[in-house]
Amino acid sequence: MRLVASIKNASVMRANRIILGPISFEINDGQRWVILGPNGAGKSTLLKLLSTEIFPTSGTIQILDKELGRVDIFELRTRIGLCAAMKAEQIPYDEKVKDVVLTSAYGILGRWNEAYDLWDESRAIALLTTFGVRDLGDRDFGTLSEGERKRVQIARSLMIDPELLLLDEPTAGLDLGGREDLLTRFANFATDPAAPVTVTVTHHIEEIPVGTTHALLLKNGQVAALGPISEVVTSENLSKVFETNILVTAENGRYFAQAR
């Protein structure tokens, strides 16, 4: 089984304080991970490490057979799809939806004079169709609803046919209908054998996509639990991490939590 990512004793320090780590875990081909934890647990920091946005203060990180610090980061980033709020804020308001997806092929935001071939055009349309926003292709990105923007962002992150897909709270800000529609579409997409290894960050276990195989729980920058999702997302583990007596139930691949 191919090793997609390896984090060994990695720590991140800010203002003389360790905000994450030391942490060690591996992501293998065919796996789909979710990272859970309270606010300030280190989830977004860990995702930034995996996306090569930041480097660890100590320890080593290997992504797609390349060790951070010994590789051309810009080349490596073309193999990683990232859907995050910080990326959405950089998309020009008047950028056409189809161009938001297309420009990912060049790793840029904002279309200028790039030439796209028929394959690029066809892939962009196919991805917009998969996530239910094909009819919005000629709309300005800034005019879309939050749910529509999320779907376009995911389509953009997949345009480069990434080997590793990172999703930072992809359903945050959506109403119930929007959340369920996006989770259903993503679950259907994830059944494709060619779908990339995925890491999703979320606060809520109800937002874990069906088909997720592994989970990592963070608390105060430390690993509280990790492994197969059925062994990690349990009443006992979540009660400890969130410091609340929580009952976890599972049904048809979905997880639910309530206080008890």
C-alpha atoms as a PDB file:
ATOM      1  CA  MET A   1       0.000   0.000   0.000  1.00  0.00           C
ATOM      2  CA  ARG A   2       1.409   3.361  -1.039  1.00  0.00           C
ATOM      3  CA  LEU A   3       2.282   5.849   1.684  1.00  0.00           C
ATOM      4  CA  VAL A   4       0.620   9.174   0.787  1.00  0.00           C
ATOM      5  CA  ALA A   5       1.672  11.226   3.816  1.00  0.00           C
ATOM      6  CA  SER A   6       3.900  10.630   6.817  1.00  0.00           C
ATOM      7  CA  ILE A   7       4.202  12.942   9.812  1.00  0.00           C
ATOM      8  CA  LYS A   8       6.894  12.058  12.337  1.00  0.00           C
ATOM      9  CA  ASN A   9       7.224  13.907  15.642  1.00  0.00           C
ATOM     10  CA  ALA A  10       6.143  17.158  13.997  1.00  0.00           C
ATOM     11  CA  SER A  11       5.508  20.252  16.103  1.00  0.00           C
ATOM     12  CA  VAL A  12       4.493  23.801  15.266  1.00  0.00           C
ATOM     13  CA  MET A  13       5.479  26.647  17.565  1.00  0.00           C
ATOM     14  CA  ARG A  14       4.106  30.188  17.559  1.00  0.00           C
ATOM     15  CA  ALA A  15       5.170  32.979  19.938  1.00  0.00           C
ATOM     16  CA  ASN A  16       7.287  30.536  21.948  1.00  0.00           C
ATOM     17  CA  ARG A  17       4.294  28.266  22.448  1.00  0.00           C
ATOM     18  CA  ILE A  18       3.707  24.844  20.889  1.00  0.00           C
ATOM     19  CA  ILE A  19       0.295  24.963  19.201  1.00  0.00           C
ATOM     20  CA  LEU A  20       0.522  21.503  17.639  1.00  0.00           C
ATOM     21  CA  GLY A  21       2.464  18.385  18.455  1.00  0.00           C
ATOM     22  CA  PRO A  22       4.568  16.517  18.675  1.00  0.00           C
ATOM     23  CA  ILE A  23       2.348  14.473  16.396  1.00  0.00           C
ATOM     24  CA  SER A  24       2.950  11.333  14.320  1.00  0.00           C
ATOM     25  CA  PHE A  25       0.653   9.480  11.919  1.00  0.00           C
ATOM     26  CA  GLU A  26       0.494   8.096   8.392  1.00  0.00           C
ATOM     27  CA  ILE A  27      -2.015   8.300   5.562  1.00  0.00           C
ATOM     28  CA  ASN A  28      -2.066   5.462   3.050  1.00  0.00           C
ATOM     29  CA  ASP A  29      -3.520   5.075  -0.415  1.00  0.00           C
ATOM     30  CA  GLY A  30      -7.232   4.263  -0.431  1.00  0.00           C
ATOM     31  CA  GLN A  31      -7.901   5.885   2.938  1.00  0.00           C
ATOM     32  CA  ARG A  32     -10.260   8.754   3.710  1.00  0.00           C
ATOM     33  CA  TRP A  33      -9.566  10.607   6.944  1.00  0.00           C
ATOM     34  CA  VAL A  34     -11.479  13.041   9.113  1.00  0.00           C
ATOM     35  CA  ILE A  35      -9.774  15.318  11.645  1.00  0.00           C
ATOM     36  CA  LEU A  36     -11.965  16.274  14.608  1.00  0.00           C
ATOM     37  CA  GLY A  37     -11.522  18.385  17.711  1.00  0.00           C
ATOM     38  CA  PRO A  38     -12.680  21.490  19.588  1.00  0.00           C
ATOM     39  CA  ASN A  39     -11.800  25.037  18.579  1.00  0.00           C
ATOM     40  CA  GLY A  40      -8.089  25.641  19.039  1.00  0.00           C
ATOM     41  CA  ALA A  41      -7.229  21.940  18.987  1.00  0.00           C
ATOM     42  CA  GLY A  42      -4.837  22.362  16.044  1.00  0.00           C
ATOM     43  CA  LYS A  43      -6.996  21.033  13.190  1.00  0.00           C
ATOM     44  CA  SER A  44      -6.372  23.900  10.776  1.00  0.00           C
ATOM     45  CA  THR A  45      -2.667  23.964  11.641  1.00  0.00           C
ATOM     46  CA  LEU A  46      -2.387  20.263  10.801  1.00  0.00           C
ATOM     47  CA  LEU A  47      -4.177  20.841   7.505  1.00  0.00           C
ATOM     48  CA  LYS A  48      -1.737  23.654   6.684  1.00  0.00           C
ATOM     49  CA  LEU A  49       1.129  21.234   7.232  1.00  0.00           C
ATOM     50  CA  LEU A  50      -0.448  18.677   4.896  1.00  0.00           C
ATOM     51  CA  SER A  51      -1.087  21.346   2.250  1.00  0.00           C
ATOM     52  CA  THR A  52       2.531  22.631   2.553  1.00  0.00           C
ATOM     53  CA  GLU A  53       1.237  26.095   3.524  1.00  0.00           C
ATOM     54  CA  ILE A  54       3.530  25.979   6.563  1.00  0.00           C
ATOM     55  CA  PHE A  55       6.530  23.926   7.675  1.00  0.00           C
ATOM     56  CA  PRO A  56       6.920  22.211  11.049  1.00  0.00           C
ATOM     57  CA  THR A  57       9.114  23.827  13.672  1.00  0.00           C
ATOM     58  CA  SER A  58      10.541  20.381  14.368  1.00  0.00           C
ATOM     59  CA  GLY A  59      10.047  16.858  13.076  1.00  0.00           C
ATOM     60  CA  THR A  60       9.662  15.641   9.494  1.00  0.00           C
ATOM     61  CA  ILE A  61       6.789  15.565   7.034  1.00  0.00           C
ATOM     62  CA  GLN A  62       6.699  13.568   3.819  1.00  0.00           C
ATOM     63  CA  ILE A  63       3.930  14.224   1.301  1.00  0.00           C
ATOM     64  CA  LEU A  64       3.550  12.132  -1.853  1.00  0.00           C
ATOM     65  CA  ASP A  65       7.075  10.730  -1.508  1.00  0.00           C
ATOM     66  CA  LYS A  66       8.576  14.208  -1.030  1.00  0.00           C
ATOM     67  CA  GLU A  67      10.023  15.518   2.228  1.00  0.00           C
ATOM     68  CA  LEU A  68       9.204  19.116   3.113  1.00  0.00           C
ATOM     69  CA  GLY A  69      12.349  21.197   3.038  1.00  0.00           C
ATOM     70  CA  ARG A  70      13.906  19.029   0.329  1.00  0.00           C
ATOM     71  CA  VAL A  71      11.453  19.522  -2.527  1.00  0.00           C
ATOM     72  CA  ASP A  72      10.118  22.192  -4.871  1.00  0.00           C
ATOM     73  CA  ILE A  73       7.010  23.196  -2.923  1.00  0.00           C
ATOM     74  CA  PHE A  74       5.327  24.765  -5.938  1.00  0.00           C
ATOM     75  CA  GLU A  75       5.640  21.543  -7.919  1.00  0.00           C
ATOM     76  CA  LEU A  76       4.328  19.485  -5.003  1.00  0.00           C
ATOM     77  CA  ARG A  77       1.299  21.750  -4.556  1.00  0.00           C
ATOM     78  CA  THR A  78       0.134  20.905  -8.087  1.00  0.00           C
ATOM     79  CA  ARG A  79      -0.536  17.379  -6.781  1.00  0.00           C
ATOM     80  CA  ILE A  80      -2.602  18.516  -3.773  1.00  0.00           C
ATOM     81  CA  GLY A  81      -6.184  19.766  -3.967  1.00  0.00           C
ATOM     82  CA  LEU A  82      -7.215  22.226  -1.254  1.00  0.00           C
ATOM     83  CA  CYS A  83     -10.685  23.532  -0.445  1.00  0.00           C
ATOM     84  CA  ALA A  84     -10.522  26.086   2.370  1.00  0.00           C
ATOM     85  CA  ALA A  85     -12.123  29.387   3.338  1.00  0.00           C
ATOM     86  CA  MET A  86      -8.798  31.204   2.972  1.00  0.00           C
ATOM     87  CA  LYS A  87      -8.688  30.142  -0.679  1.00  0.00           C
ATOM     88  CA  ALA A  88     -12.273  31.217  -1.348  1.00  0.00           C
ATOM     89  CA  GLU A  89     -11.502  34.731  -0.099  1.00  0.00           C
ATOM     90  CA  GLN A  90      -8.872  35.069  -2.838  1.00  0.00           C
ATOM     91  CA  ILE A  91     -11.275  34.335  -5.713  1.00  0.00           C
ATOM     92  CA  PRO A  92     -12.195  37.536  -7.612  1.00  0.00           C
ATOM     93  CA  TYR A  93     -15.843  38.535  -7.121  1.00  0.00           C
ATOM     94  CA  ASP A  94     -16.442  38.900 -10.862  1.00  0.00           C
ATOM     95  CA  GLU A  95     -14.692  35.690 -11.905  1.00  0.00           C
ATOM     96  CA  LYS A  96     -16.988  33.446 -13.947  1.00  0.00           C
ATOM     97  CA  VAL A  97     -17.749  30.166 -12.187  1.00  0.00           C
ATOM     98  CA  LYS A  98     -16.382  28.037 -15.010  1.00  0.00           C
ATOM     99  CA  ASP A  99     -13.154  30.055 -14.965  1.00  0.00           C
ATOM    100  CA  VAL A 100     -12.826  29.598 -11.195  1.00  0.00           C
ATOM    101  CA  VAL A 101     -12.548  25.870 -11.879  1.00  0.00           C
ATOM    102  CA  LEU A 102     -10.537  26.125 -15.114  1.00  0.00           C
ATOM    103  CA  THR A 103      -7.777  28.339 -13.708  1.00  0.00           C
ATOM    104  CA  SER A 104      -6.910  25.667 -11.169  1.00  0.00           C
ATOM    105  CA  ALA A 105      -5.266  23.784 -14.045  1.00  0.00           C
ATOM    106  CA  TYR A 106      -2.602  26.523 -14.035  1.00  0.00           C
ATOM    107  CA  GLY A 107      -2.596  26.937 -10.271  1.00  0.00           C
ATOM    108  CA  ILE A 108      -3.802  30.533 -10.492  1.00  0.00           C
ATOM    109  CA  LEU A 109      -6.787  32.640  -9.502  1.00  0.00           C
ATOM    110  CA  GLY A 110      -8.237  35.027 -12.076  1.00  0.00           C
ATOM    111  CA  ARG A 111      -8.234  34.232 -15.774  1.00  0.00           C
ATOM    112  CA  TRP A 112      -5.921  36.235 -18.013  1.00  0.00           C
ATOM    113  CA  ASN A 113      -4.702  34.984 -21.397  1.00  0.00           C
ATOM    114  CA  GLU A 114      -4.187  31.301 -20.670  1.00  0.00           C
ATOM    115  CA  ALA A 115      -5.130  28.831 -23.373  1.00  0.00           C
ATOM    116  CA  TYR A 116      -7.214  25.866 -22.263  1.00  0.00           C
ATOM    117  CA  ASP A 117      -7.712  22.811 -24.410  1.00  0.00           C
ATOM    118  CA  LEU A 118     -10.863  20.775 -24.896  1.00  0.00           C
ATOM    119  CA  TRP A 119      -9.860  18.331 -22.151  1.00  0.00           C
ATOM    120  CA  ASP A 120      -9.623  21.158 -19.607  1.00  0.00           C
ATOM    121  CA  GLU A 121     -12.988  22.569 -20.654  1.00  0.00           C
ATOM    122  CA  SER A 122     -14.635  19.140 -20.552  1.00  0.00           C
ATOM    123  CA  ARG A 123     -13.206  18.282 -17.132  1.00  0.00           C
ATOM    124  CA  ALA A 124     -14.333  21.601 -15.648  1.00  0.00           C
ATOM    125  CA  ILE A 125     -17.872  21.068 -16.927  1.00  0.00           C
ATOM    126  CA  ALA A 126     -17.920  17.459 -15.684  1.00  0.00           C
ATOM    127  CA  LEU A 127     -16.858  18.524 -12.181  1.00  0.00           C
ATOM    128  CA  LEU A 128     -19.422  21.318 -12.066  1.00  0.00           C
ATOM    129  CA  THR A 129     -22.028  18.760 -13.121  1.00  0.00           C
ATOM    130  CA  THR A 130     -20.941  16.285 -10.430  1.00  0.00           C
ATOM    131  CA  PHE A 131     -21.499  18.884  -7.733  1.00  0.00           C
ATOM    132  CA  GLY A 132     -24.722  20.263  -9.178  1.00  0.00           C
ATOM    133  CA  VAL A 133     -23.572  23.705 -10.323  1.00  0.00           C
ATOM    134  CA  ARG A 134     -23.126  23.253 -14.070  1.00  0.00           C
ATOM    135  CA  ASP A 135     -25.925  25.741 -14.810  1.00  0.00           C
ATOM    136  CA  LEU A 136     -24.023  28.412 -12.883  1.00  0.00           C
ATOM    137  CA  GLY A 137     -20.976  28.311 -15.171  1.00  0.00           C
ATOM    138  CA  ASP A 138     -21.544  31.804 -16.589  1.00  0.00           C
ATOM    139  CA  ARG A 139     -22.424  33.438 -13.272  1.00  0.00           C
ATOM    140  CA  ASP A 140     -20.030  35.668 -11.324  1.00  0.00           C
ATOM    141  CA  PHE A 141     -18.599  33.765  -8.349  1.00  0.00           C
ATOM    142  CA  GLY A 142     -19.466  36.627  -6.012  1.00  0.00           C
ATOM    143  CA  THR A 143     -23.191  36.293  -6.749  1.00  0.00           C
ATOM    144  CA  LEU A 144     -23.417  32.677  -5.570  1.00  0.00           C
ATOM    145  CA  SER A 145     -24.907  31.469  -2.308  1.00  0.00           C
ATOM    146  CA  GLU A 146     -22.614  29.981   0.337  1.00  0.00           C
ATOM    147  CA  GLY A 147     -23.638  26.464  -0.633  1.00  0.00           C
ATOM    148  CA  GLU A 148     -23.015  27.102  -4.326  1.00  0.00           C
ATOM    149  CA  ARG A 149     -19.596  28.573  -3.561  1.00  0.00           C
ATOM    150  CA  LYS A 150     -18.639  25.491  -1.550  1.00  0.00           C
ATOM    151  CA  ARG A 151     -19.523  23.197  -4.445  1.00  0.00           C
ATOM    152  CA  VAL A 152     -17.550  25.324  -6.911  1.00  0.00           C
ATOM    153  CA  GLN A 153     -14.545  25.329  -4.574  1.00  0.00           C
ATOM    154  CA  ILE A 154     -14.571  21.542  -4.326  1.00  0.00           C
ATOM    155  CA  ALA A 155     -14.812  21.291  -8.120  1.00  0.00           C
ATOM    156  CA  ARG A 156     -11.835  23.661  -8.388  1.00  0.00           C
ATOM    157  CA  SER A 157      -9.784  21.610  -5.929  1.00  0.00           C
ATOM    158  CA  LEU A 158     -10.404  18.499  -8.065  1.00  0.00           C
ATOM    159  CA  MET A 159      -9.594  20.140 -11.401  1.00  0.00           C
ATOM    160  CA  ILE A 160      -5.903  19.230 -11.158  1.00  0.00           C
ATOM    161  CA  ASP A 161      -6.801  15.559 -10.558  1.00  0.00           C
ATOM    162  CA  PRO A 162      -5.000  15.648  -7.182  1.00  0.00           C
ATOM    163  CA  GLU A 163      -3.433  12.676  -5.464  1.00  0.00           C
ATOM    164  CA  LEU A 164      -4.373  14.177  -2.086  1.00  0.00           C
ATOM    165  CA  LEU A 165      -7.543  16.206  -1.437  1.00  0.00           C
ATOM    166  CA  LEU A 166      -7.808  18.408   1.669  1.00  0.00           C
ATOM    167  CA  LEU A 167     -11.189  19.802   2.745  1.00  0.00           C
ATOM    168  CA  ASP A 168     -11.374  22.386   5.537  1.00  0.00           C
ATOM    169  CA  GLU A 169     -14.926  22.379   6.932  1.00  0.00           C
ATOM    170  CA  PRO A 170     -16.562  22.003   3.489  1.00  0.00           C
ATOM    171  CA  THR A 171     -20.109  22.184   4.894  1.00  0.00           C
ATOM    172  CA  ALA A 172     -19.557  25.092   7.308  1.00  0.00           C
ATOM    173  CA  GLY A 173     -22.154  27.842   6.899  1.00  0.00           C
ATOM    174  CA  LEU A 174     -24.615  25.673   4.983  1.00  0.00           C
ATOM    175  CA  ASP A 175     -28.207  25.107   6.001  1.00  0.00           C
ATOM    176  CA  LEU A 176     -29.452  21.564   6.577  1.00  0.00           C
ATOM    177  CA  GLY A 177     -30.573  21.025   2.982  1.00  0.00           C
ATOM    178  CA  GLY A 178     -27.344  22.391   1.553  1.00  0.00           C
ATOM    179  CA  ARG A 179     -25.239  20.293   3.900  1.00  0.00           C
ATOM    180  CA  GLU A 180     -27.048  17.064   3.125  1.00  0.00           C
ATOM    181  CA  ASP A 181     -26.979  17.675  -0.619  1.00  0.00           C
ATOM    182  CA  LEU A 182     -23.234  18.348  -0.598  1.00  0.00           C
ATOM    183  CA  LEU A 183     -22.490  15.330   1.605  1.00  0.00           C
ATOM    184  CA  THR A 184     -24.531  13.093  -0.690  1.00  0.00           C
ATOM    185  CA  ARG A 185     -22.759  14.354  -3.802  1.00  0.00           C
ATOM    186  CA  PHE A 186     -19.370  13.961  -2.197  1.00  0.00           C
ATOM    187  CA  ALA A 187     -20.179  10.443  -0.969  1.00  0.00           C
ATOM    188  CA  ASN A 188     -21.186   9.463  -4.507  1.00  0.00           C
ATOM    189  CA  PHE A 189     -17.978  10.955  -5.882  1.00  0.00           C
ATOM    190  CA  ALA A 190     -15.851   9.168  -3.275  1.00  0.00           C
ATOM    191  CA  THR A 191     -17.097   5.748  -4.443  1.00  0.00           C
ATOM    192  CA  ASP A 192     -15.119   6.216  -7.667  1.00  0.00           C
ATOM    193  CA  PRO A 193     -11.983   4.020  -7.455  1.00  0.00           C
ATOM    194  CA  ALA A 194     -10.036   6.885  -9.024  1.00  0.00           C
ATOM    195  CA  ALA A 195     -11.060   9.352  -6.290  1.00  0.00           C
ATOM    196  CA  PRO A 196      -8.061  10.762  -4.400  1.00  0.00           C
ATOM    197  CA  VAL A 197      -7.089  10.145  -0.797  1.00  0.00           C
ATOM    198  CA  THR A 198      -9.097  12.660   1.226  1.00  0.00           C
ATOM    199  CA  VAL A 199      -8.603  14.459   4.534  1.00  0.00           C
ATOM    200  CA  THR A 200     -11.599  16.406   5.880  1.00  0.00           C
ATOM    201  CA  VAL A 201     -11.491  18.780   8.843  1.00  0.00           C
ATOM    202  CA  THR A 202     -14.714  19.410  10.741  1.00  0.00           C
ATOM    203  CA  HIS A 203     -16.080  20.258  14.187  1.00  0.00           C
ATOM    204  CA  HIS A 204     -19.196  18.125  13.857  1.00  0.00           C
ATOM    205  CA  ILE A 205     -19.405  14.360  13.376  1.00  0.00           C
ATOM    206  CA  GLU A 206     -22.710  14.805  11.507  1.00  0.00           C
ATOM    207  CA  GLU A 207     -20.613  16.328   8.718  1.00  0.00           C
ATOM    208  CA  ILE A 208     -18.328  13.320   8.269  1.00  0.00           C
ATOM    209  CA  PRO A 209     -18.800  12.063   4.685  1.00  0.00           C
ATOM    210  CA  VAL A 210     -19.991   8.504   4.155  1.00  0.00           C
ATOM    211  CA  GLY A 211     -17.041   6.331   3.159  1.00  0.00           C
ATOM    212  CA  THR A 212     -14.604   7.908   5.629  1.00  0.00           C
ATOM    213  CA  THR A 213     -12.268   5.143   6.795  1.00  0.00           C
ATOM    214  CA  HIS A 214     -10.085   6.734   9.497  1.00  0.00           C
ATOM    215  CA  ALA A 215     -10.297   9.466  12.108  1.00  0.00           C
ATOM    216  CA  LEU A 216      -7.901  11.563  14.161  1.00  0.00           C
ATOM    217  CA  LEU A 217      -9.050  13.354  17.310  1.00  0.00           C
ATOM    218  CA  LEU A 218      -7.073  16.382  18.479  1.00  0.00           C
ATOM    219  CA  LYS A 219      -7.154  18.117  21.846  1.00  0.00           C
ATOM    220  CA  ASN A 220      -4.860  20.974  22.855  1.00  0.00           C
ATOM    221  CA  GLY A 221      -2.582  20.251  19.908  1.00  0.00           C
ATOM    222  CA  GLN A 222      -2.120  16.601  20.853  1.00  0.00           C
ATOM    223  CA  VAL A 223      -3.454  13.378  19.354  1.00  0.00           C
ATOM    224  CA  ALA A 224      -6.212  12.073  21.603  1.00  0.00           C
ATOM    225  CA  ALA A 225      -7.042   9.095  19.382  1.00  0.00           C
ATOM    226  CA  LEU A 226      -6.455   7.910  15.820  1.00  0.00           C
ATOM    227  CA  GLY A 227      -7.190   4.860  13.715  1.00  0.00           C
ATOM    228  CA  PRO A 228     -10.185   3.236  11.983  1.00  0.00           C
ATOM    229  CA  ILE A 229     -13.180   5.540  12.329  1.00  0.00           C
ATOM    230  CA  SER A 230     -15.364   3.021  14.139  1.00  0.00           C
ATOM    231  CA  GLU A 231     -12.720   2.734  16.870  1.00  0.00           C
ATOM    232  CA  VAL A 232     -12.085   6.474  17.191  1.00  0.00           C
ATOM    233  CA  VAL A 233     -15.473   8.183  16.842  1.00  0.00           C
ATOM    234  CA  THR A 234     -16.975   6.720  20.012  1.00  0.00           C
ATOM    235  CA  SER A 235     -18.937   8.107  22.945  1.00  0.00           C
ATOM    236  CA  GLU A 236     -15.951   7.623  25.260  1.00  0.00           C
ATOM    237  CA  ASN A 237     -13.409   9.371  23.026  1.00  0.00           C
ATOM    238  CA  LEU A 238     -15.609  12.328  22.089  1.00  0.00           C
ATOM    239  CA  SER A 239     -16.714  12.831  25.699  1.00  0.00           C
ATOM    240  CA  LYS A 240     -13.054  13.129  26.734  1.00  0.00           C
ATOM    241  CA  VAL A 241     -12.051  15.430  23.881  1.00  0.00           C
ATOM    242  CA  PHE A 242     -15.027  17.799  24.132  1.00  0.00           C
ATOM    243  CA  GLU A 243     -15.269  17.504  27.952  1.00  0.00           C
ATOM    244  CA  THR A 244     -18.992  16.797  27.734  1.00  0.00           C
ATOM    245  CA  ASN A 245     -20.911  13.582  28.261  1.00  0.00           C
ATOM    246  CA  ILE A 246     -21.696  12.694  24.635  1.00  0.00           C
ATOM    247  CA  LEU A 247     -23.620   9.804  23.129  1.00  0.00           C
ATOM    248  CA  VAL A 248     -22.419   8.805  19.647  1.00  0.00           C
ATOM    249  CA  THR A 249     -24.591   6.757  17.306  1.00  0.00           C
ATOM    250  CA  ALA A 250     -23.927   5.502  13.778  1.00  0.00           C
ATOM    251  CA  GLU A 251     -26.357   4.655  11.007  1.00  0.00           C
ATOM    252  CA  ASN A 252     -25.722   3.860   7.329  1.00  0.00           C
ATOM    253  CA  GLY A 253     -22.195   5.239   7.443  1.00  0.00           C
ATOM    254  CA  ARG A 254     -23.201   8.510   9.149  1.00  0.00           C
ATOM    255  CA  TYR A 255     -22.364   9.562  12.701  1.00  0.00           C
ATOM    256  CA  PHE A 256     -24.483  11.568  15.148  1.00  0.00           C
ATOM    257  CA  ALA A 257     -23.831  13.058  18.590  1.00  0.00           C
ATOM    258  CA  GLN A 258     -25.958  14.357  21.427  1.00  0.00           C
ATOM    259  CA  ALA A 259     -25.408  15.271  25.054  1.00  0.00           C
ATOM    260  CA  ARG A 260     -26.635  12.802  27.636  1.00  0.00           C
END
